Amino acid sequence: MTATATTGPTCTQHGPMSPRTARTPEQRFTGTWWACIAPRCLNAYLQPSAQLLTQLRHQDA
């Protein structure tokens, strides 16, 4: 999977991905999830939120 700032991530097999709707506070906290738009393709990509990245940095310290 690849991601660009202007178009979002793409599935290496099928092309553009669409953002998934975050339904819970936990999902919104983790960042933006993207899913392949091809039927039966389960490829997904997480663009982590700034809050998640900060928390992960503090865990490594």
C-alpha atoms as a PDB file:
ATOM      1  CA  MET A   1       0.000   0.000   0.000  1.00  0.00           C
ATOM      2  CA  THR A   2       1.123   3.519  -0.695  1.00  0.00           C
ATOM      3  CA  ALA A   3      -0.091   6.841   0.611  1.00  0.00           C
ATOM      4  CA  THR A   4       0.203  10.378  -0.659  1.00  0.00           C
ATOM      5  CA  ALA A   5      -0.807  13.613   1.000  1.00  0.00           C
ATOM      6  CA  THR A   6      -3.126  14.711  -1.811  1.00  0.00           C
ATOM      7  CA  THR A   7      -4.933  11.539  -2.836  1.00  0.00           C
ATOM      8  CA  GLY A   8      -4.781   9.257   0.179  1.00  0.00           C
ATOM      9  CA  PRO A   9      -3.568   5.664   0.167  1.00  0.00           C
ATOM     10  CA  THR A  10      -3.906   3.239  -2.707  1.00  0.00           C
ATOM     11  CA  CYS A  11      -4.243  -0.531  -2.748  1.00  0.00           C
ATOM     12  CA  THR A  12      -1.320  -2.029  -4.648  1.00  0.00           C
ATOM     13  CA  GLN A  13      -3.695  -4.393  -6.457  1.00  0.00           C
ATOM     14  CA  HIS A  14      -6.799  -2.282  -7.056  1.00  0.00           C
ATOM     15  CA  GLY A  15      -5.988   1.427  -6.793  1.00  0.00           C
ATOM     16  CA  PRO A  16      -7.708   4.113  -4.695  1.00  0.00           C
ATOM     17  CA  MET A  17      -8.965   3.460  -1.187  1.00  0.00           C
ATOM     18  CA  SER A  18     -11.804   5.229   0.591  1.00  0.00           C
ATOM     19  CA  PRO A  19     -11.829   6.425   4.198  1.00  0.00           C
ATOM     20  CA  ARG A  20     -13.797   4.355   6.700  1.00  0.00           C
ATOM     21  CA  THR A  21     -16.163   6.147   9.024  1.00  0.00           C
ATOM     22  CA  ALA A  22     -14.964   6.152  12.622  1.00  0.00           C
ATOM     23  CA  ARG A  23     -17.916   5.137  14.787  1.00  0.00           C
ATOM     24  CA  THR A  24     -16.375   5.222  18.253  1.00  0.00           C
ATOM     25  CA  PRO A  25     -14.074   7.573  20.166  1.00  0.00           C
ATOM     26  CA  GLU A  26     -11.426   4.850  20.129  1.00  0.00           C
ATOM     27  CA  GLN A  27     -11.540   4.611  16.348  1.00  0.00           C
ATOM     28  CA  ARG A  28     -11.273   8.401  16.036  1.00  0.00           C
ATOM     29  CA  PHE A  29      -8.304   8.390  18.433  1.00  0.00           C
ATOM     30  CA  THR A  30      -6.294   5.906  16.381  1.00  0.00           C
ATOM     31  CA  GLY A  31      -6.533   7.953  13.193  1.00  0.00           C
ATOM     32  CA  THR A  32      -8.040   7.563   9.757  1.00  0.00           C
ATOM     33  CA  TRP A  33      -8.652   4.056   8.457  1.00  0.00           C
ATOM     34  CA  TRP A  34      -8.799   3.534   4.709  1.00  0.00           C
ATOM     35  CA  ALA A  35     -10.252   0.491   2.939  1.00  0.00           C
ATOM     36  CA  CYS A  36      -9.878  -0.814  -0.595  1.00  0.00           C
ATOM     37  CA  ILE A  37     -12.979  -0.190  -2.665  1.00  0.00           C
ATOM     38  CA  ALA A  38     -12.728  -3.464  -4.618  1.00  0.00           C
ATOM     39  CA  PRO A  39     -15.283  -6.126  -3.682  1.00  0.00           C
ATOM     40  CA  ARG A  40     -13.898  -8.815  -1.356  1.00  0.00           C
ATOM     41  CA  CYS A  41     -10.527  -7.053  -0.973  1.00  0.00           C
ATOM     42  CA  LEU A  42      -9.605  -6.751   2.700  1.00  0.00           C
ATOM     43  CA  ASN A  43      -6.616  -4.409   2.329  1.00  0.00           C
ATOM     44  CA  ALA A  44      -6.708  -1.547   4.803  1.00  0.00           C
ATOM     45  CA  TYR A  45      -4.380   1.276   5.830  1.00  0.00           C
ATOM     46  CA  LEU A  46      -4.208   3.274   9.065  1.00  0.00           C
ATOM     47  CA  GLN A  47      -3.046   6.868   8.899  1.00  0.00           C
ATOM     48  CA  PRO A  48      -2.254   7.336  12.601  1.00  0.00           C
ATOM     49  CA  SER A  49      -3.455  10.401  14.473  1.00  0.00           C
ATOM     50  CA  ALA A  50      -1.044  12.831  16.124  1.00  0.00           C
ATOM     51  CA  GLN A  51      -2.398  11.755  19.521  1.00  0.00           C
ATOM     52  CA  LEU A  52      -1.660   8.093  18.823  1.00  0.00           C
ATOM     53  CA  LEU A  53       1.863   8.856  17.616  1.00  0.00           C
ATOM     54  CA  THR A  54       2.527  10.922  20.753  1.00  0.00           C
ATOM     55  CA  GLN A  55       1.283   8.125  22.996  1.00  0.00           C
ATOM     56  CA  LEU A  56       3.423   5.556  21.195  1.00  0.00           C
ATOM     57  CA  ARG A  57       6.524   7.760  21.519  1.00  0.00           C
ATOM     58  CA  HIS A  58       5.973   8.035  25.267  1.00  0.00           C
ATOM     59  CA  GLN A  59       5.623   4.249  25.615  1.00  0.00           C
ATOM     60  CA  ASP A  60       9.063   3.704  24.071  1.00  0.00           C
ATOM     61  CA  ALA A  61      10.748   6.109  26.473  1.00  0.00           C
END
